[in-house]
Amino acid sequence: MILDKEQLRKNLDEVIWNIEAARISVSEHHIVKLVTVAKYTEVENIATLYELGQRAFGENQVQQLRDRMRELEVLPLEWHMIGRLQKNKINNLIDLSPALMHSLDSIELAEELNKKLSAKGRTMSCLLQINAAQEESKAGVAPDAAQENYLEIQERFENIRLKGVMTIGAHTDDTKIIQESFETTHRIFENLEREGATICSMGMSGDYELAIKCGSNLVRIGSALFKES
């Protein structure tokens, strides 16, 4: 559905207002980046959000990312790969050169990605995905292995530039459990800051304010930006 500019402006203003309120409750110096999840919306809405000042957009699938980058190539957008990466799509993603790949979810994927990056003489900035809620339905490394895995990827795979960590909040209506999953990830992030980690990506449309209060400095917002009213 193509939304009019005023509706998108209203939605964007509301999200930014909420981000600001949550951010300031942590610290005036806490900066939070907004990445728009574009997978369920039309290219026209992405172009309008660009007009309204939004620059970073994420796609869940490599094919969709490629299509969107082509359709909107006249705009200087910052594209992120935020979905699970299949090994047979690695070369395609490398060719697209996303600003950041959010879902490096195992040593095995890191090994394959690094091998193909090396063959192409390229590097890629990535986040280590942590399955903080330890849910079977979610990808990511276990919290108790995350720091060790992060350091191993840093040491072994020179074509991967680890920038920090990412998690998806626990899939539940219990705010306390969601908060615990964010706090677990943020503790890991704090331990990795001395290793150069700068991004702690947590929070989506339903829980981004809580995530920011738990220390997130990058949120991925889709439905809250594309609602009709």
C-alpha atoms as a PDB file:
ATOM      1  CA  MET A   1       0.000   0.000   0.000  1.00  0.00           C
ATOM      2  CA  ILE A   2       1.344   3.413  -0.979  1.00  0.00           C
ATOM      3  CA  LEU A   3       0.914   5.901   1.882  1.00  0.00           C
ATOM      4  CA  ASP A   4       0.667   9.626   1.401  1.00  0.00           C
ATOM      5  CA  LYS A   5       3.536  11.835   2.489  1.00  0.00           C
ATOM      6  CA  GLU A   6       1.707  13.308   5.491  1.00  0.00           C
ATOM      7  CA  GLN A   7       0.900   9.852   6.901  1.00  0.00           C
ATOM      8  CA  LEU A   8       4.516   8.767   6.534  1.00  0.00           C
ATOM      9  CA  ARG A   9       5.683  12.039   8.092  1.00  0.00           C
ATOM     10  CA  LYS A  10       3.355  11.478  11.051  1.00  0.00           C
ATOM     11  CA  ASN A  11       4.581   7.896  11.505  1.00  0.00           C
ATOM     12  CA  LEU A  12       8.259   8.873  11.223  1.00  0.00           C
ATOM     13  CA  ASP A  13       7.832  11.772  13.652  1.00  0.00           C
ATOM     14  CA  GLU A  14       6.132   9.477  16.169  1.00  0.00           C
ATOM     15  CA  VAL A  15       8.883   6.860  15.950  1.00  0.00           C
ATOM     16  CA  ILE A  16      11.630   9.484  16.242  1.00  0.00           C
ATOM     17  CA  TRP A  17       9.855  11.092  19.206  1.00  0.00           C
ATOM     18  CA  ASN A  18       9.661   7.704  20.966  1.00  0.00           C
ATOM     19  CA  ILE A  19      13.323   6.974  20.189  1.00  0.00           C
ATOM     20  CA  GLU A  20      14.312  10.378  21.585  1.00  0.00           C
ATOM     21  CA  ALA A  21      12.326   9.920  24.793  1.00  0.00           C
ATOM     22  CA  ALA A  22      13.810   6.451  25.385  1.00  0.00           C
ATOM     23  CA  ARG A  23      17.324   7.595  24.452  1.00  0.00           C
ATOM     24  CA  ILE A  24      17.289  10.580  26.810  1.00  0.00           C
ATOM     25  CA  SER A  25      16.055   8.356  29.651  1.00  0.00           C
ATOM     26  CA  VAL A  26      19.381   6.507  29.268  1.00  0.00           C
ATOM     27  CA  SER A  27      21.653   9.500  28.636  1.00  0.00           C
ATOM     28  CA  GLU A  28      21.687  12.692  26.597  1.00  0.00           C
ATOM     29  CA  HIS A  29      24.828  11.311  24.967  1.00  0.00           C
ATOM     30  CA  HIS A  30      23.235   7.986  23.954  1.00  0.00           C
ATOM     31  CA  ILE A  31      22.836   8.040  20.156  1.00  0.00           C
ATOM     32  CA  VAL A  32      20.405   5.647  18.444  1.00  0.00           C
ATOM     33  CA  LYS A  33      20.358   4.841  14.716  1.00  0.00           C
ATOM     34  CA  LEU A  34      17.078   4.043  12.959  1.00  0.00           C
ATOM     35  CA  VAL A  35      17.092   1.433  10.187  1.00  0.00           C
ATOM     36  CA  THR A  36      13.789   1.143   8.305  1.00  0.00           C
ATOM     37  CA  VAL A  37      12.694  -2.433   7.614  1.00  0.00           C
ATOM     38  CA  ALA A  38      11.416  -2.102   4.052  1.00  0.00           C
ATOM     39  CA  LYS A  39      10.400  -5.688   3.281  1.00  0.00           C
ATOM     40  CA  TYR A  40       6.618  -5.194   3.472  1.00  0.00           C
ATOM     41  CA  THR A  41       6.340  -1.833   1.753  1.00  0.00           C
ATOM     42  CA  GLU A  42       6.408  -0.329  -1.712  1.00  0.00           C
ATOM     43  CA  VAL A  43       9.391   1.476  -3.207  1.00  0.00           C
ATOM     44  CA  GLU A  44       7.308   4.671  -3.346  1.00  0.00           C
ATOM     45  CA  ASN A  45       7.104   4.707   0.461  1.00  0.00           C
ATOM     46  CA  ILE A  46      10.868   4.246   0.733  1.00  0.00           C
ATOM     47  CA  ALA A  47      11.416   7.194  -1.627  1.00  0.00           C
ATOM     48  CA  THR A  48       9.032   9.342   0.424  1.00  0.00           C
ATOM     49  CA  LEU A  49      10.803   8.452   3.677  1.00  0.00           C
ATOM     50  CA  TYR A  50      14.042   9.484   2.001  1.00  0.00           C
ATOM     51  CA  GLU A  51      12.455  12.874   1.193  1.00  0.00           C
ATOM     52  CA  LEU A  52      11.515  13.120   4.872  1.00  0.00           C
ATOM     53  CA  GLY A  53      15.121  12.551   5.933  1.00  0.00           C
ATOM     54  CA  GLN A  54      15.414   8.812   6.533  1.00  0.00           C
ATOM     55  CA  ARG A  55      18.545   7.265   5.001  1.00  0.00           C
ATOM     56  CA  ALA A  56      19.112   3.707   6.289  1.00  0.00           C
ATOM     57  CA  PHE A  57      16.928   0.855   5.012  1.00  0.00           C
ATOM     58  CA  GLY A  58      17.107  -2.897   5.553  1.00  0.00           C
ATOM     59  CA  GLU A  59      15.896  -5.929   3.634  1.00  0.00           C
ATOM     60  CA  ASN A  60      15.489  -9.524   4.825  1.00  0.00           C
ATOM     61  CA  GLN A  61      16.281 -11.295   1.558  1.00  0.00           C
ATOM     62  CA  VAL A  62      19.214 -10.876  -0.797  1.00  0.00           C
ATOM     63  CA  GLN A  63      16.981 -10.912  -3.899  1.00  0.00           C
ATOM     64  CA  GLN A  64      14.698  -8.231  -2.457  1.00  0.00           C
ATOM     65  CA  LEU A  65      17.717  -6.164  -1.429  1.00  0.00           C
ATOM     66  CA  ARG A  66      19.105  -6.348  -4.961  1.00  0.00           C
ATOM     67  CA  ASP A  67      15.762  -5.372  -6.522  1.00  0.00           C
ATOM     68  CA  ARG A  68      15.269  -2.431  -4.166  1.00  0.00           C
ATOM     69  CA  MET A  69      18.818  -1.164  -4.674  1.00  0.00           C
ATOM     70  CA  ARG A  70      18.265  -1.205  -8.432  1.00  0.00           C
ATOM     71  CA  GLU A  71      14.857   0.468  -8.298  1.00  0.00           C
ATOM     72  CA  LEU A  72      16.112   3.222  -5.999  1.00  0.00           C
ATOM     73  CA  GLU A  73      19.672   3.555  -7.276  1.00  0.00           C
ATOM     74  CA  VAL A  74      19.241   7.297  -7.936  1.00  0.00           C
ATOM     75  CA  LEU A  75      18.878   7.875  -4.180  1.00  0.00           C
ATOM     76  CA  PRO A  76      21.962   7.748  -1.913  1.00  0.00           C
ATOM     77  CA  LEU A  77      20.432   5.236   0.501  1.00  0.00           C
ATOM     78  CA  GLU A  78      22.335   3.195   3.069  1.00  0.00           C
ATOM     79  CA  TRP A  79      21.305  -0.439   2.628  1.00  0.00           C
ATOM     80  CA  HIS A  80      21.469  -3.119   5.329  1.00  0.00           C
ATOM     81  CA  MET A  81      21.004  -6.890   5.080  1.00  0.00           C
ATOM     82  CA  ILE A  82      18.968  -7.763   8.152  1.00  0.00           C
ATOM     83  CA  GLY A  83      17.634 -11.244   7.402  1.00  0.00           C
ATOM     84  CA  ARG A  84      19.115 -14.691   7.677  1.00  0.00           C
ATOM     85  CA  LEU A  85      21.774 -15.301   5.028  1.00  0.00           C
ATOM     86  CA  GLN A  86      21.714 -18.605   3.137  1.00  0.00           C
ATOM     87  CA  LYS A  87      25.158 -19.853   2.137  1.00  0.00           C
ATOM     88  CA  ASN A  88      24.166 -20.126  -1.535  1.00  0.00           C
ATOM     89  CA  LYS A  89      23.357 -16.385  -1.554  1.00  0.00           C
ATOM     90  CA  ILE A  90      26.690 -15.200  -0.109  1.00  0.00           C
ATOM     91  CA  ASN A  91      28.283 -14.236  -3.429  1.00  0.00           C
ATOM     92  CA  ASN A  92      25.171 -12.296  -4.434  1.00  0.00           C
ATOM     93  CA  LEU A  93      25.261 -10.352  -1.174  1.00  0.00           C
ATOM     94  CA  ILE A  94      28.972  -9.581  -1.500  1.00  0.00           C
ATOM     95  CA  ASP A  95      28.305  -8.076  -4.935  1.00  0.00           C
ATOM     96  CA  LEU A  96      25.682  -5.759  -3.399  1.00  0.00           C
ATOM     97  CA  SER A  97      28.111  -4.402  -0.761  1.00  0.00           C
ATOM     98  CA  PRO A  98      25.602  -3.614   2.017  1.00  0.00           C
ATOM     99  CA  ALA A  99      26.637  -1.054   4.626  1.00  0.00           C
ATOM    100  CA  LEU A 100      26.088  -3.696   7.312  1.00  0.00           C
ATOM    101  CA  MET A 101      25.087  -7.367   7.507  1.00  0.00           C
ATOM    102  CA  HIS A 102      23.135  -7.856  10.747  1.00  0.00           C
ATOM    103  CA  SER A 103      22.728 -11.618  10.913  1.00  0.00           C
ATOM    104  CA  LEU A 104      26.061 -13.407  11.145  1.00  0.00           C
ATOM    105  CA  ASP A 105      24.659 -16.260  13.198  1.00  0.00           C
ATOM    106  CA  SER A 106      27.391 -18.928  13.400  1.00  0.00           C
ATOM    107  CA  ILE A 107      31.092 -19.669  13.034  1.00  0.00           C
ATOM    108  CA  GLU A 108      30.196 -21.865  10.024  1.00  0.00           C
ATOM    109  CA  LEU A 109      28.542 -18.957   8.208  1.00  0.00           C
ATOM    110  CA  ALA A 110      31.470 -16.696   9.100  1.00  0.00           C
ATOM    111  CA  GLU A 111      33.900 -19.230   7.637  1.00  0.00           C
ATOM    112  CA  GLU A 112      31.986 -19.495   4.362  1.00  0.00           C
ATOM    113  CA  LEU A 113      31.449 -15.730   4.120  1.00  0.00           C
ATOM    114  CA  ASN A 114      35.116 -15.000   4.780  1.00  0.00           C
ATOM    115  CA  LYS A 115      36.239 -17.539   2.168  1.00  0.00           C
ATOM    116  CA  LYS A 116      34.086 -15.919  -0.513  1.00  0.00           C
ATOM    117  CA  LEU A 117      35.002 -12.372   0.543  1.00  0.00           C
ATOM    118  CA  SER A 118      38.674 -13.325   0.346  1.00  0.00           C
ATOM    119  CA  ALA A 119      38.239 -14.796  -3.159  1.00  0.00           C
ATOM    120  CA  LYS A 120      36.697 -11.508  -4.304  1.00  0.00           C
ATOM    121  CA  GLY A 121      39.211  -9.332  -2.435  1.00  0.00           C
ATOM    122  CA  ARG A 122      36.414  -7.726  -0.442  1.00  0.00           C
ATOM    123  CA  THR A 123      35.468  -7.082   3.186  1.00  0.00           C
ATOM    124  CA  MET A 124      32.073  -6.846   4.879  1.00  0.00           C
ATOM    125  CA  SER A 125      30.917  -5.181   8.083  1.00  0.00           C
ATOM    126  CA  CYS A 126      28.793  -7.555  10.177  1.00  0.00           C
ATOM    127  CA  LEU A 127      27.028  -7.973  13.495  1.00  0.00           C
ATOM    128  CA  LEU A 128      27.137 -11.234  15.438  1.00  0.00           C
ATOM    129  CA  GLN A 129      23.578 -12.429  15.998  1.00  0.00           C
ATOM    130  CA  ILE A 130      22.903 -13.661  19.530  1.00  0.00           C
ATOM    131  CA  ASN A 131      19.927 -15.877  20.360  1.00  0.00           C
ATOM    132  CA  ALA A 132      19.556 -14.189  23.736  1.00  0.00           C
ATOM    133  CA  ALA A 133      16.175 -15.736  24.516  1.00  0.00           C
ATOM    134  CA  GLN A 134      17.534 -19.169  23.498  1.00  0.00           C
ATOM    135  CA  GLU A 135      14.449 -19.895  21.405  1.00  0.00           C
ATOM    136  CA  GLU A 136      14.576 -22.790  18.946  1.00  0.00           C
ATOM    137  CA  SER A 137      12.802 -20.731  16.286  1.00  0.00           C
ATOM    138  CA  LYS A 138      15.559 -18.115  16.240  1.00  0.00           C
ATOM    139  CA  ALA A 139      19.018 -18.162  14.694  1.00  0.00           C
ATOM    140  CA  GLY A 140      22.102 -16.915  16.491  1.00  0.00           C
ATOM    141  CA  VAL A 141      24.827 -18.015  18.842  1.00  0.00           C
ATOM    142  CA  ALA A 142      24.076 -18.919  22.456  1.00  0.00           C
ATOM    143  CA  PRO A 143      24.707 -16.107  24.970  1.00  0.00           C
ATOM    144  CA  ASP A 144      27.326 -18.099  26.893  1.00  0.00           C
ATOM    145  CA  ALA A 145      29.313 -18.678  23.675  1.00  0.00           C
ATOM    146  CA  ALA A 146      28.835 -15.227  22.136  1.00  0.00           C
ATOM    147  CA  GLN A 147      31.944 -13.502  23.432  1.00  0.00           C
ATOM    148  CA  GLU A 148      34.184 -16.440  22.554  1.00  0.00           C
ATOM    149  CA  ASN A 149      32.614 -16.713  19.078  1.00  0.00           C
ATOM    150  CA  TYR A 150      33.018 -12.975  18.487  1.00  0.00           C
ATOM    151  CA  LEU A 151      36.712 -13.092  19.347  1.00  0.00           C
ATOM    152  CA  GLU A 152      37.233 -16.211  17.225  1.00  0.00           C
ATOM    153  CA  ILE A 153      35.640 -14.557  14.166  1.00  0.00           C
ATOM    154  CA  GLN A 154      37.743 -11.443  14.752  1.00  0.00           C
ATOM    155  CA  GLU A 155      40.919 -13.477  14.989  1.00  0.00           C
ATOM    156  CA  ARG A 156      40.348 -16.029  12.201  1.00  0.00           C
ATOM    157  CA  PHE A 157      38.439 -14.192   9.492  1.00  0.00           C
ATOM    158  CA  GLU A 158      40.252 -11.082   8.356  1.00  0.00           C
ATOM    159  CA  ASN A 159      37.751 -10.153   5.612  1.00  0.00           C
ATOM    160  CA  ILE A 160      34.910  -9.837   8.138  1.00  0.00           C
ATOM    161  CA  ARG A 161      34.728  -6.550  10.060  1.00  0.00           C
ATOM    162  CA  LEU A 162      32.737  -7.232  13.214  1.00  0.00           C
ATOM    163  CA  LYS A 163      31.034  -4.043  14.398  1.00  0.00           C
ATOM    164  CA  GLY A 164      29.004  -5.364  17.307  1.00  0.00           C
ATOM    165  CA  VAL A 165      26.064  -7.606  18.173  1.00  0.00           C
ATOM    166  CA  MET A 166      22.390  -8.041  17.326  1.00  0.00           C
ATOM    167  CA  THR A 167      19.484  -9.835  18.940  1.00  0.00           C
ATOM    168  CA  ILE A 168      15.749 -10.199  18.397  1.00  0.00           C
ATOM    169  CA  GLY A 169      13.762  -9.806  21.628  1.00  0.00           C
ATOM    170  CA  ALA A 170      12.092 -12.822  23.180  1.00  0.00           C
ATOM    171  CA  HIS A 171       8.889 -13.856  21.386  1.00  0.00           C
ATOM    172  CA  THR A 172       6.447 -13.346  24.252  1.00  0.00           C
ATOM    173  CA  ASP A 173       4.024 -10.816  25.699  1.00  0.00           C
ATOM    174  CA  ASP A 174       5.913 -10.924  29.000  1.00  0.00           C
ATOM    175  CA  THR A 175       7.855  -7.651  29.083  1.00  0.00           C
ATOM    176  CA  LYS A 176      10.136  -8.947  31.837  1.00  0.00           C
ATOM    177  CA  ILE A 177      11.352 -11.842  29.662  1.00  0.00           C
ATOM    178  CA  ILE A 178      11.868  -9.528  26.668  1.00  0.00           C
ATOM    179  CA  GLN A 179      13.823  -7.139  28.891  1.00  0.00           C
ATOM    180  CA  GLU A 180      16.007  -9.991  30.166  1.00  0.00           C
ATOM    181  CA  SER A 181      16.899 -10.979  26.581  1.00  0.00           C
ATOM    182  CA  PHE A 182      17.931  -7.381  25.840  1.00  0.00           C
ATOM    183  CA  GLU A 183      19.900  -7.038  29.066  1.00  0.00           C
ATOM    184  CA  THR A 184      21.736 -10.297  28.363  1.00  0.00           C
ATOM    185  CA  THR A 185      22.794  -9.022  24.944  1.00  0.00           C
ATOM    186  CA  HIS A 186      23.798  -5.620  26.238  1.00  0.00           C
ATOM    187  CA  ARG A 187      26.053  -7.180  28.894  1.00  0.00           C
ATOM    188  CA  ILE A 188      27.825  -9.132  26.144  1.00  0.00           C
ATOM    189  CA  PHE A 189      28.124  -5.940  24.095  1.00  0.00           C
ATOM    190  CA  GLU A 190      29.690  -4.087  27.036  1.00  0.00           C
ATOM    191  CA  ASN A 191      32.302  -6.827  27.373  1.00  0.00           C
ATOM    192  CA  LEU A 192      33.070  -6.565  23.649  1.00  0.00           C
ATOM    193  CA  GLU A 193      33.393  -2.777  23.546  1.00  0.00           C
ATOM    194  CA  ARG A 194      37.047  -3.132  24.545  1.00  0.00           C
ATOM    195  CA  GLU A 195      37.436  -5.316  21.429  1.00  0.00           C
ATOM    196  CA  GLY A 196      36.092  -2.501  19.245  1.00  0.00           C
ATOM    197  CA  ALA A 197      32.352  -3.282  19.217  1.00  0.00           C
ATOM    198  CA  THR A 198      30.300  -0.126  18.647  1.00  0.00           C
ATOM    199  CA  ILE A 199      26.829  -1.393  17.652  1.00  0.00           C
ATOM    200  CA  CYS A 200      24.275  -3.058  19.914  1.00  0.00           C
ATOM    201  CA  SER A 201      21.292  -3.696  17.631  1.00  0.00           C
ATOM    202  CA  MET A 202      18.120  -4.570  19.532  1.00  0.00           C
ATOM    203  CA  GLY A 203      14.493  -3.605  19.142  1.00  0.00           C
ATOM    204  CA  MET A 204      11.810  -3.688  16.461  1.00  0.00           C
ATOM    205  CA  SER A 205       8.413  -2.003  16.102  1.00  0.00           C
ATOM    206  CA  GLY A 206       6.875  -3.711  19.147  1.00  0.00           C
ATOM    207  CA  ASP A 207       9.721  -3.338  21.626  1.00  0.00           C
ATOM    208  CA  TYR A 208      12.203  -0.693  20.446  1.00  0.00           C
ATOM    209  CA  GLU A 209      11.615   1.724  23.340  1.00  0.00           C
ATOM    210  CA  LEU A 210      12.346  -1.022  25.871  1.00  0.00           C
ATOM    211  CA  ALA A 211      15.391  -2.092  23.836  1.00  0.00           C
ATOM    212  CA  ILE A 212      16.812   1.455  23.872  1.00  0.00           C
ATOM    213  CA  LYS A 213      16.305   1.681  27.631  1.00  0.00           C
ATOM    214  CA  CYS A 214      18.321  -1.560  27.871  1.00  0.00           C
ATOM    215  CA  GLY A 215      21.171   0.001  25.874  1.00  0.00           C
ATOM    216  CA  SER A 216      20.357  -0.557  22.189  1.00  0.00           C
ATOM    217  CA  ASN A 217      21.925   1.971  19.833  1.00  0.00           C
ATOM    218  CA  LEU A 218      20.386   0.637  16.593  1.00  0.00           C
ATOM    219  CA  VAL A 219      16.713  -0.217  16.082  1.00  0.00           C
ATOM    220  CA  ARG A 220      15.031  -1.877  13.093  1.00  0.00           C
ATOM    221  CA  ILE A 221      11.539  -0.472  12.541  1.00  0.00           C
ATOM    222  CA  GLY A 222       9.027  -1.561   9.893  1.00  0.00           C
ATOM    223  CA  SER A 223       5.310  -1.740  10.715  1.00  0.00           C
ATOM    224  CA  ALA A 224       5.336   1.327  13.000  1.00  0.00           C
ATOM    225  CA  LEU A 225       6.506   3.422  10.041  1.00  0.00           C
ATOM    226  CA  PHE A 226       4.024   1.999   7.532  1.00  0.00           C
ATOM    227  CA  LYS A 227       0.776   1.963   9.500  1.00  0.00           C
ATOM    228  CA  GLU A 228      -2.261   3.661   7.981  1.00  0.00           C
ATOM    229  CA  SER A 229      -3.280   5.839  10.910  1.00  0.00           C
END
